[in-house]
């Protein structure tokens, strides 16, 4: 169990999970360095919204938001969101990512991360049938009114039944 998972386990005894998710991310050194900030988290964790403000901390040589800041603000959210939504019976890992820059960002950026009950049920059903799968999650960084897309991040996320994953790792070690 990671430091952040232990912190979540203890923290949820005192603070609701959605508030801990928001404030924990915003205070964690690894996320603070991205310059992104979580600004909304629904009580059920199905909706998360971030803001990446244009600031001296993330301006690049041509005065737009540094691409690394855009990516690092988006990067951990889908995986950690799914870990929390699916629960302890599943292994969730980032497997691959692709970032597509559409235009220079010279204003604050926003992104939403949404899951549906149907999506989660579909994942669980596919895991029950095949033990593991990969899904694709696409996130767009936009302006405040979502009319302009500045950047798109496509993530491939690996999800497996925890017991299956443990057996798979043991098998690999033997070979």
N, C-alpha and C. Protein backbone atom coordinates (compact mmCIF):
# COMPACT_ATOMS: atom_id res chain seq x y z
N UNK A 1 0.85 -1.18 0.00
CA UNK A 1 0.00 0.00 0.00
C UNK A 1 0.90 1.25 0.00
N UNK A 2 0.58 2.20 -0.88
CA UNK A 2 1.41 3.40 -0.99
C UNK A 2 1.13 4.37 0.16
N UNK A 3 2.02 5.34 0.30
CA UNK A 3 1.86 6.39 1.30
C UNK A 3 0.51 7.09 1.13
N UNK A 4 0.17 7.41 -0.13
CA UNK A 4 -1.09 8.13 -0.39
C UNK A 4 -2.31 7.26 -0.09
N UNK A 5 -2.22 5.95 -0.35
CA UNK A 5 -3.33 5.06 -0.02
C UNK A 5 -3.52 4.95 1.49
N UNK A 6 -2.40 4.88 2.23
CA UNK A 6 -2.49 4.84 3.70
C UNK A 6 -3.07 6.14 4.24
N UNK A 7 -2.63 7.25 3.67
CA UNK A 7 -3.14 8.56 4.08
C UNK A 7 -4.65 8.65 3.82
N UNK A 8 -5.10 8.13 2.70
CA UNK A 8 -6.52 8.12 2.38
C UNK A 8 -7.30 7.27 3.36
N UNK A 9 -6.76 6.10 3.68
CA UNK A 9 -7.42 5.20 4.62
C UNK A 9 -7.63 5.87 5.97
N UNK A 10 -6.60 6.53 6.47
CA UNK A 10 -6.70 7.21 7.76
C UNK A 10 -7.55 8.48 7.63
N UNK A 11 -7.32 9.24 6.57
CA UNK A 11 -8.02 10.52 6.39
C UNK A 11 -9.51 10.40 6.27
N UNK A 12 -10.00 9.33 5.64
CA UNK A 12 -11.45 9.18 5.46
C UNK A 12 -12.18 8.89 6.77
N UNK A 13 -11.44 8.66 7.83
CA UNK A 13 -12.08 8.52 9.14
C UNK A 13 -12.48 9.88 9.70
N UNK A 14 -11.89 10.94 9.14
CA UNK A 14 -12.13 12.30 9.65
C UNK A 14 -12.77 13.23 8.63
N UNK A 15 -12.55 12.96 7.35
CA UNK A 15 -13.03 13.84 6.28
C UNK A 15 -13.66 12.98 5.20
N UNK A 16 -14.69 13.51 4.54
CA UNK A 16 -15.32 12.74 3.46
C UNK A 16 -14.32 12.48 2.34
N UNK A 17 -14.53 11.37 1.64
CA UNK A 17 -13.57 10.92 0.63
C UNK A 17 -13.39 11.95 -0.50
N UNK A 18 -14.48 12.58 -0.92
CA UNK A 18 -14.35 13.54 -2.03
C UNK A 18 -13.58 14.79 -1.61
N UNK A 19 -13.74 15.21 -0.38
CA UNK A 19 -12.96 16.38 0.10
C UNK A 19 -11.50 16.01 0.27
N UNK A 20 -11.25 14.80 0.77
CA UNK A 20 -9.87 14.34 0.93
C UNK A 20 -9.19 14.20 -0.43
N UNK A 21 -9.93 13.72 -1.43
CA UNK A 21 -9.40 13.59 -2.78
C UNK A 21 -8.97 14.96 -3.29
N UNK A 22 -9.85 15.93 -3.18
CA UNK A 22 -9.56 17.28 -3.69
C UNK A 22 -8.38 17.91 -2.94
N UNK A 23 -8.47 17.99 -1.66
CA UNK A 23 -7.44 18.68 -0.88
C UNK A 23 -6.13 17.88 -0.81
N UNK A 24 -6.24 16.56 -0.78
CA UNK A 24 -5.05 15.73 -0.78
C UNK A 24 -4.24 15.92 -2.06
N UNK A 25 -4.92 15.91 -3.19
CA UNK A 25 -4.23 16.15 -4.46
C UNK A 25 -3.61 17.54 -4.48
N UNK A 26 -4.40 18.53 -4.10
CA UNK A 26 -3.92 19.91 -4.20
C UNK A 26 -2.76 20.20 -3.25
N UNK A 27 -2.65 19.44 -2.17
CA UNK A 27 -1.54 19.66 -1.24
C UNK A 27 -0.33 18.76 -1.51
N UNK A 28 -0.53 17.70 -2.29
CA UNK A 28 0.58 16.76 -2.50
C UNK A 28 1.65 17.40 -3.38
N UNK A 29 2.91 17.24 -2.99
CA UNK A 29 4.00 17.85 -3.76
C UNK A 29 4.03 17.41 -5.22
N UNK A 30 3.74 16.16 -5.49
CA UNK A 30 3.80 15.68 -6.88
C UNK A 30 2.76 16.38 -7.75
N UNK A 31 1.60 16.70 -7.21
CA UNK A 31 0.58 17.37 -8.02
C UNK A 31 0.78 18.89 -8.03
N UNK A 32 1.20 19.45 -6.94
CA UNK A 32 1.42 20.90 -6.88
C UNK A 32 2.40 21.36 -7.96
N UNK A 33 3.42 20.54 -8.21
CA UNK A 33 4.41 20.92 -9.21
C UNK A 33 3.84 21.00 -10.62
N UNK A 34 2.71 20.35 -10.87
CA UNK A 34 2.09 20.41 -12.20
C UNK A 34 1.48 21.78 -12.48
N UNK A 35 1.20 22.53 -11.45
CA UNK A 35 0.49 23.81 -11.41
C UNK A 35 -1.02 23.64 -11.59
N UNK A 36 -1.48 22.41 -11.78
CA UNK A 36 -2.91 22.17 -11.85
C UNK A 36 -3.51 22.13 -10.46
N UNK A 37 -4.79 22.43 -10.38
CA UNK A 37 -5.51 22.37 -9.11
C UNK A 37 -6.87 21.73 -9.35
N UNK A 38 -7.23 20.81 -8.47
CA UNK A 38 -8.58 20.24 -8.54
C UNK A 38 -9.53 21.26 -7.95
N UNK A 39 -10.57 21.60 -8.72
CA UNK A 39 -11.52 22.62 -8.25
C UNK A 39 -12.90 22.05 -7.93
N UNK A 40 -13.20 20.85 -8.43
CA UNK A 40 -14.49 20.21 -8.13
C UNK A 40 -14.30 18.70 -8.02
N UNK A 41 -14.96 18.11 -7.05
CA UNK A 41 -15.04 16.65 -6.95
C UNK A 41 -16.44 16.32 -6.44
N UNK A 42 -17.19 15.54 -7.21
CA UNK A 42 -18.52 15.15 -6.75
C UNK A 42 -18.40 14.19 -5.58
N UNK A 43 -19.44 14.12 -4.77
CA UNK A 43 -19.41 13.25 -3.59
C UNK A 43 -19.15 11.80 -3.94
N UNK A 44 -19.61 11.37 -5.12
CA UNK A 44 -19.42 9.98 -5.52
C UNK A 44 -18.14 9.77 -6.34
N UNK A 45 -17.33 10.79 -6.50
CA UNK A 45 -16.06 10.78 -7.25
C UNK A 45 -16.24 10.53 -8.75
N UNK A 46 -17.46 10.58 -9.24
CA UNK A 46 -17.72 10.32 -10.66
C UNK A 46 -17.37 11.53 -11.53
N UNK A 47 -17.26 12.70 -10.94
CA UNK A 47 -16.92 13.92 -11.69
C UNK A 47 -15.82 14.66 -10.95
N UNK A 48 -14.77 14.99 -11.70
CA UNK A 48 -13.66 15.77 -11.17
C UNK A 48 -13.33 16.85 -12.19
N UNK A 49 -13.06 18.05 -11.72
CA UNK A 49 -12.70 19.14 -12.63
C UNK A 49 -11.42 19.80 -12.12
N UNK A 50 -10.52 20.09 -13.06
CA UNK A 50 -9.27 20.77 -12.70
C UNK A 50 -9.14 22.09 -13.44
N UNK A 51 -8.27 22.93 -12.91
CA UNK A 51 -7.90 24.19 -13.56
C UNK A 51 -6.38 24.25 -13.61
N UNK A 52 -5.85 24.66 -14.75
CA UNK A 52 -4.42 24.90 -14.89
C UNK A 52 -4.28 26.39 -15.20
N UNK A 53 -3.98 27.19 -14.18
CA UNK A 53 -3.89 28.64 -14.42
C UNK A 53 -2.60 29.00 -15.15
N UNK A 54 -2.68 29.95 -16.04
CA UNK A 54 -1.48 30.48 -16.68
C UNK A 54 -0.76 31.32 -15.64
N UNK A 55 0.50 30.99 -15.35
CA UNK A 55 1.25 31.73 -14.34
C UNK A 55 2.73 31.71 -14.68
N UNK A 56 3.50 32.47 -13.94
CA UNK A 56 4.94 32.50 -14.15
C UNK A 56 5.56 31.12 -13.92
N UNK A 57 4.88 30.26 -13.18
CA UNK A 57 5.41 28.93 -12.87
C UNK A 57 5.32 27.96 -14.05
N UNK A 58 4.45 28.25 -15.00
CA UNK A 58 4.28 27.30 -16.11
C UNK A 58 4.35 27.94 -17.50
N UNK A 59 4.76 29.17 -17.58
CA UNK A 59 4.91 29.80 -18.91
C UNK A 59 6.17 29.29 -19.58
N UNK A 60 6.06 29.00 -20.86
CA UNK A 60 7.22 28.54 -21.59
C UNK A 60 7.89 29.70 -22.34
N UNK A 61 8.81 29.37 -23.20
CA UNK A 61 9.62 30.36 -23.92
C UNK A 61 8.78 31.31 -24.76
N UNK A 62 7.63 30.84 -25.27
CA UNK A 62 6.76 31.68 -26.11
C UNK A 62 5.53 32.19 -25.34
N UNK A 63 5.62 32.17 -24.02
CA UNK A 63 4.61 32.77 -23.14
C UNK A 63 3.27 32.03 -23.09
N UNK A 64 3.26 30.76 -23.45
CA UNK A 64 2.05 29.95 -23.31
C UNK A 64 2.31 28.89 -22.24
N UNK A 65 1.27 28.15 -21.87
CA UNK A 65 1.44 27.13 -20.83
C UNK A 65 2.33 26.01 -21.35
N UNK A 66 3.34 25.68 -20.59
CA UNK A 66 4.28 24.60 -20.88
C UNK A 66 3.51 23.29 -21.02
N UNK A 67 3.80 22.55 -22.09
CA UNK A 67 3.10 21.29 -22.34
C UNK A 67 3.23 20.29 -21.22
N UNK A 68 4.38 20.28 -20.55
CA UNK A 68 4.58 19.36 -19.43
C UNK A 68 3.63 19.66 -18.28
N UNK A 69 3.30 20.93 -18.08
CA UNK A 69 2.33 21.29 -17.04
C UNK A 69 0.94 20.80 -17.40
N UNK A 70 0.59 20.93 -18.68
CA UNK A 70 -0.72 20.45 -19.12
C UNK A 70 -0.83 18.95 -18.89
N UNK A 71 0.19 18.21 -19.34
CA UNK A 71 0.14 16.76 -19.21
C UNK A 71 0.15 16.33 -17.75
N UNK A 72 1.05 16.91 -16.95
CA UNK A 72 1.17 16.45 -15.56
C UNK A 72 -0.05 16.81 -14.72
N UNK A 73 -0.81 17.84 -15.12
CA UNK A 73 -2.04 18.17 -14.39
C UNK A 73 -3.14 17.15 -14.67
N UNK A 74 -3.11 16.56 -15.86
CA UNK A 74 -4.12 15.58 -16.26
C UNK A 74 -3.71 14.15 -15.87
N UNK A 75 -2.43 13.86 -15.98
CA UNK A 75 -1.90 12.50 -15.90
C UNK A 75 -2.44 11.62 -14.77
N UNK A 76 -2.39 12.02 -13.50
CA UNK A 76 -2.76 11.06 -12.44
C UNK A 76 -4.26 10.88 -12.22
N UNK A 77 -5.05 11.81 -12.71
CA UNK A 77 -6.47 11.83 -12.31
C UNK A 77 -7.25 10.59 -12.78
N UNK A 78 -7.24 10.21 -14.07
CA UNK A 78 -8.07 9.06 -14.46
C UNK A 78 -7.73 7.77 -13.71
N UNK A 79 -6.45 7.49 -13.53
CA UNK A 79 -6.05 6.25 -12.84
C UNK A 79 -6.51 6.28 -11.38
N UNK A 80 -6.23 7.36 -10.67
CA UNK A 80 -6.59 7.43 -9.25
C UNK A 80 -8.11 7.47 -9.08
N UNK A 81 -8.80 8.13 -9.98
CA UNK A 81 -10.26 8.14 -9.93
C UNK A 81 -10.80 6.72 -10.07
N UNK A 82 -10.28 5.96 -11.04
CA UNK A 82 -10.75 4.58 -11.22
C UNK A 82 -10.37 3.68 -10.05
N UNK A 83 -9.19 3.86 -9.49
CA UNK A 83 -8.81 3.07 -8.31
C UNK A 83 -9.85 3.25 -7.21
N UNK A 84 -10.24 4.49 -6.99
CA UNK A 84 -11.21 4.79 -5.92
C UNK A 84 -12.61 4.32 -6.26
N UNK A 85 -12.99 4.39 -7.53
CA UNK A 85 -14.35 3.99 -7.92
C UNK A 85 -14.51 2.47 -8.00
N UNK A 86 -13.48 1.77 -8.46
CA UNK A 86 -13.59 0.32 -8.62
C UNK A 86 -13.39 -0.44 -7.32
N UNK A 87 -12.55 0.08 -6.44
CA UNK A 87 -12.35 -0.56 -5.14
C UNK A 87 -11.15 -1.48 -5.10
N UNK A 88 -11.00 -2.15 -3.99
CA UNK A 88 -9.79 -2.92 -3.68
C UNK A 88 -9.67 -4.25 -4.41
N UNK A 89 -10.71 -4.68 -5.11
CA UNK A 89 -10.64 -5.97 -5.81
C UNK A 89 -9.97 -5.87 -7.19
N UNK A 90 -9.53 -4.67 -7.56
CA UNK A 90 -8.98 -4.44 -8.89
C UNK A 90 -7.60 -3.79 -8.83
N UNK A 91 -6.80 -4.09 -9.83
CA UNK A 91 -5.51 -3.43 -10.04
C UNK A 91 -5.72 -2.46 -11.19
N UNK A 92 -5.28 -1.23 -11.01
CA UNK A 92 -5.43 -0.20 -12.05
C UNK A 92 -4.07 0.44 -12.26
N UNK A 93 -3.60 0.44 -13.52
CA UNK A 93 -2.29 1.01 -13.85
C UNK A 93 -2.40 1.86 -15.12
N UNK A 94 -1.66 2.95 -15.14
CA UNK A 94 -1.46 3.68 -16.40
C UNK A 94 -0.56 2.83 -17.27
N UNK A 95 -0.92 2.65 -18.52
CA UNK A 95 -0.11 1.85 -19.42
C UNK A 95 0.56 2.70 -20.50
N UNK A 96 -0.15 3.68 -21.03
CA UNK A 96 0.40 4.53 -22.08
C UNK A 96 -0.34 5.86 -22.10
N UNK A 97 0.31 6.83 -22.71
CA UNK A 97 -0.32 8.15 -22.82
C UNK A 97 0.15 8.82 -24.11
N UNK A 98 -0.71 9.66 -24.63
CA UNK A 98 -0.38 10.44 -25.81
C UNK A 98 -0.95 11.83 -25.59
N UNK A 99 -0.18 12.84 -25.93
CA UNK A 99 -0.64 14.21 -25.77
C UNK A 99 -0.63 14.88 -27.14
N UNK A 100 -1.73 15.51 -27.45
CA UNK A 100 -1.87 16.20 -28.73
C UNK A 100 -2.14 17.68 -28.47
N UNK A 101 -1.20 18.51 -28.84
CA UNK A 101 -1.36 19.95 -28.66
C UNK A 101 -2.12 20.51 -29.85
N UNK A 102 -3.16 21.26 -29.58
CA UNK A 102 -4.01 21.81 -30.64
C UNK A 102 -3.67 23.27 -30.94
N UNK A 103 -3.42 24.04 -29.88
CA UNK A 103 -3.02 25.45 -30.05
C UNK A 103 -2.38 25.94 -28.77
N UNK A 104 -1.55 26.98 -28.85
CA UNK A 104 -0.90 27.50 -27.64
C UNK A 104 -1.94 28.02 -26.64
N UNK A 105 -1.71 27.72 -25.38
CA UNK A 105 -2.64 28.12 -24.31
C UNK A 105 -2.09 29.36 -23.62
N UNK A 106 -2.76 30.47 -23.82
CA UNK A 106 -2.36 31.72 -23.19
C UNK A 106 -3.45 32.22 -22.26
N UNK A 107 -4.17 31.27 -21.67
CA UNK A 107 -5.22 31.57 -20.69
C UNK A 107 -5.37 30.33 -19.80
N UNK A 108 -6.11 30.46 -18.71
CA UNK A 108 -6.33 29.33 -17.81
C UNK A 108 -7.03 28.20 -18.58
N UNK A 109 -6.66 26.97 -18.25
CA UNK A 109 -7.25 25.80 -18.88
C UNK A 109 -8.06 25.00 -17.87
N UNK A 110 -9.04 24.24 -18.37
CA UNK A 110 -9.91 23.43 -17.54
C UNK A 110 -10.09 22.05 -18.17
N UNK A 111 -10.27 21.05 -17.34
CA UNK A 111 -10.54 19.70 -17.82
C UNK A 111 -11.47 19.00 -16.84
N UNK A 112 -12.35 18.17 -17.39
CA UNK A 112 -13.27 17.37 -16.58
C UNK A 112 -12.99 15.90 -16.80
N UNK A 113 -13.15 15.14 -15.73
CA UNK A 113 -12.96 13.70 -15.74
C UNK A 113 -14.27 13.10 -15.24
N UNK A 114 -14.96 12.40 -16.12
CA UNK A 114 -16.27 11.87 -15.77
C UNK A 114 -16.33 10.36 -15.99
N UNK A 115 -16.95 9.68 -15.06
CA UNK A 115 -17.24 8.25 -15.18
C UNK A 115 -18.74 8.09 -15.00
N UNK A 116 -19.27 7.05 -15.58
CA UNK A 116 -20.69 6.75 -15.41
C UNK A 116 -20.83 5.39 -14.73
N UNK A 117 -21.98 5.15 -14.15
CA UNK A 117 -22.27 3.87 -13.54
C UNK A 117 -22.19 2.78 -14.60
N UNK A 118 -22.69 3.07 -15.80
CA UNK A 118 -22.67 2.10 -16.90
C UNK A 118 -21.23 1.75 -17.28
N UNK A 119 -20.35 2.75 -17.32
CA UNK A 119 -18.94 2.50 -17.64
C UNK A 119 -18.30 1.59 -16.60
N UNK A 120 -18.54 1.88 -15.33
CA UNK A 120 -17.96 1.05 -14.26
C UNK A 120 -18.51 -0.37 -14.28
N UNK A 121 -19.82 -0.51 -14.50
CA UNK A 121 -20.42 -1.85 -14.60
C UNK A 121 -19.84 -2.61 -15.79
N UNK A 122 -19.64 -1.90 -16.91
CA UNK A 122 -19.05 -2.52 -18.10
C UNK A 122 -17.64 -3.02 -17.83
N UNK A 123 -16.86 -2.23 -17.13
CA UNK A 123 -15.49 -2.64 -16.77
C UNK A 123 -15.54 -3.88 -15.90
N UNK A 124 -16.36 -3.85 -14.87
CA UNK A 124 -16.45 -5.00 -13.96
C UNK A 124 -16.93 -6.26 -14.68
N UNK A 125 -17.88 -6.12 -15.59
CA UNK A 125 -18.37 -7.28 -16.35
C UNK A 125 -17.27 -7.85 -17.25
N UNK A 126 -16.53 -6.99 -17.92
CA UNK A 126 -15.44 -7.45 -18.80
C UNK A 126 -14.33 -8.11 -17.98
N UNK A 127 -14.05 -7.59 -16.80
CA UNK A 127 -13.04 -8.20 -15.93
C UNK A 127 -13.53 -9.57 -15.47
N UNK A 128 -14.79 -9.65 -15.12
CA UNK A 128 -15.37 -10.93 -14.69
C UNK A 128 -15.25 -11.97 -15.81
N UNK A 129 -15.43 -11.53 -17.05
CA UNK A 129 -15.37 -12.45 -18.20
C UNK A 129 -13.94 -12.74 -18.66
N UNK A 130 -13.02 -11.76 -18.53
CA UNK A 130 -11.69 -11.95 -19.11
C UNK A 130 -10.52 -11.62 -18.21
N UNK A 131 -10.77 -11.31 -16.94
CA UNK A 131 -9.74 -11.06 -15.92
C UNK A 131 -8.97 -9.74 -16.06
N UNK A 132 -8.80 -9.23 -17.27
CA UNK A 132 -8.05 -7.99 -17.46
C UNK A 132 -8.49 -7.31 -18.74
N UNK A 133 -8.25 -6.01 -18.81
CA UNK A 133 -8.56 -5.26 -20.01
C UNK A 133 -7.81 -3.94 -20.01
N UNK A 134 -7.83 -3.29 -21.16
CA UNK A 134 -7.28 -1.95 -21.29
C UNK A 134 -8.40 -1.05 -21.78
N UNK A 135 -8.50 0.12 -21.18
CA UNK A 135 -9.49 1.09 -21.63
C UNK A 135 -8.76 2.37 -22.04
N UNK A 136 -9.45 3.16 -22.84
CA UNK A 136 -8.90 4.44 -23.25
C UNK A 136 -9.74 5.55 -22.64
N UNK A 137 -9.07 6.51 -22.02
CA UNK A 137 -9.74 7.69 -21.46
C UNK A 137 -9.14 8.92 -22.15
N UNK A 138 -9.97 9.77 -22.70
CA UNK A 138 -9.51 10.98 -23.39
C UNK A 138 -9.97 12.20 -22.61
N UNK A 139 -9.05 13.11 -22.38
CA UNK A 139 -9.33 14.34 -21.64
C UNK A 139 -8.93 15.53 -22.49
N UNK A 140 -9.80 16.51 -22.55
CA UNK A 140 -9.50 17.73 -23.29
C UNK A 140 -9.28 18.88 -22.32
N UNK A 141 -8.22 19.62 -22.55
CA UNK A 141 -7.98 20.86 -21.80
C UNK A 141 -8.55 22.00 -22.64
N UNK A 142 -9.49 22.74 -22.06
CA UNK A 142 -10.22 23.77 -22.79
C UNK A 142 -10.15 25.10 -22.06
N UNK A 143 -10.72 26.13 -22.69
CA UNK A 143 -10.90 27.40 -21.99
C UNK A 143 -12.08 27.27 -21.03
N UNK A 144 -12.38 28.36 -20.31
CA UNK A 144 -13.39 28.31 -19.24
C UNK A 144 -14.77 27.88 -19.74
N UNK A 145 -15.17 28.30 -20.94
CA UNK A 145 -16.50 27.95 -21.43
C UNK A 145 -16.49 26.73 -22.36
N UNK A 146 -15.38 26.03 -22.39
CA UNK A 146 -15.21 24.78 -23.15
C UNK A 146 -15.40 24.94 -24.66
N UNK A 147 -15.21 26.13 -25.19
CA UNK A 147 -15.40 26.35 -26.63
C UNK A 147 -14.12 26.12 -27.43
N UNK A 148 -12.96 26.17 -26.79
CA UNK A 148 -11.70 25.99 -27.48
C UNK A 148 -10.89 24.88 -26.82
N UNK A 149 -10.46 23.92 -27.62
CA UNK A 149 -9.62 22.83 -27.12
C UNK A 149 -8.16 23.19 -27.41
N UNK A 150 -7.35 23.23 -26.37
CA UNK A 150 -5.94 23.55 -26.49
C UNK A 150 -5.07 22.30 -26.53
N UNK A 151 -5.55 21.25 -25.88
CA UNK A 151 -4.73 20.06 -25.73
C UNK A 151 -5.65 18.87 -25.45
N UNK A 152 -5.25 17.70 -25.96
CA UNK A 152 -6.00 16.48 -25.70
C UNK A 152 -5.02 15.43 -25.20
N UNK A 153 -5.37 14.78 -24.10
CA UNK A 153 -4.53 13.72 -23.53
C UNK A 153 -5.31 12.41 -23.62
N UNK A 154 -4.70 11.43 -24.26
CA UNK A 154 -5.30 10.11 -24.40
C UNK A 154 -4.49 9.16 -23.53
N UNK A 155 -5.17 8.49 -22.61
CA UNK A 155 -4.50 7.56 -21.70
C UNK A 155 -5.05 6.15 -21.90
N UNK A 156 -4.15 5.18 -21.91
CA UNK A 156 -4.54 3.78 -21.93
C UNK A 156 -4.33 3.28 -20.50
N UNK A 157 -5.39 2.73 -19.92
CA UNK A 157 -5.35 2.28 -18.54
C UNK A 157 -5.62 0.78 -18.49
N UNK A 158 -4.74 0.08 -17.81
CA UNK A 158 -4.85 -1.36 -17.62
C UNK A 158 -5.62 -1.62 -16.33
N UNK A 159 -6.61 -2.53 -16.40
CA UNK A 159 -7.40 -2.89 -15.23
C UNK A 159 -7.49 -4.41 -15.18
N UNK A 160 -7.29 -4.97 -13.99
CA UNK A 160 -7.35 -6.43 -13.84
C UNK A 160 -7.96 -6.80 -12.50
N UNK A 161 -8.48 -8.01 -12.45
CA UNK A 161 -8.89 -8.61 -11.19
C UNK A 161 -7.62 -8.77 -10.34
N UNK A 162 -7.67 -8.35 -9.09
CA UNK A 162 -6.47 -8.35 -8.26
C UNK A 162 -5.87 -9.74 -8.08
N UNK A 163 -6.69 -10.73 -7.85
CA UNK A 163 -6.18 -12.10 -7.66
C UNK A 163 -5.56 -12.63 -8.96
N UNK A 164 -6.19 -12.36 -10.08
CA UNK A 164 -5.63 -12.76 -11.38
C UNK A 164 -4.28 -12.10 -11.59
N UNK A 165 -4.19 -10.82 -11.27
CA UNK A 165 -2.95 -10.06 -11.46
C UNK A 165 -1.82 -10.64 -10.59
N UNK A 166 -2.13 -10.99 -9.35
CA UNK A 166 -1.13 -11.60 -8.47
C UNK A 166 -0.62 -12.91 -9.05
N UNK A 167 -1.52 -13.74 -9.54
CA UNK A 167 -1.12 -15.02 -10.13
C UNK A 167 -0.29 -14.80 -11.40
N UNK A 168 -0.66 -13.82 -12.18
CA UNK A 168 0.07 -13.50 -13.41
C UNK A 168 1.50 -13.07 -13.09
N UNK A 169 1.67 -12.27 -12.05
CA UNK A 169 3.02 -11.84 -11.63
C UNK A 169 3.84 -13.01 -11.13
N UNK A 170 3.22 -13.90 -10.35
CA UNK A 170 3.94 -15.09 -9.87
C UNK A 170 4.41 -15.94 -11.04
N UNK A 171 3.55 -16.10 -12.01
CA UNK A 171 3.88 -16.89 -13.20
C UNK A 171 5.07 -16.28 -13.95
N UNK A 172 5.09 -14.95 -14.08
CA UNK A 172 6.18 -14.27 -14.76
C UNK A 172 7.50 -14.45 -14.02
N UNK A 173 7.44 -14.42 -12.69
CA UNK A 173 8.67 -14.59 -11.89
C UNK A 173 9.24 -15.99 -12.07
N UNK A 174 8.36 -16.98 -12.22
CA UNK A 174 8.82 -18.36 -12.41
C UNK A 174 9.49 -18.56 -13.77
N UNK A 175 9.02 -17.81 -14.75
CA UNK A 175 9.58 -17.97 -16.12
C UNK A 175 10.77 -17.14 -16.26
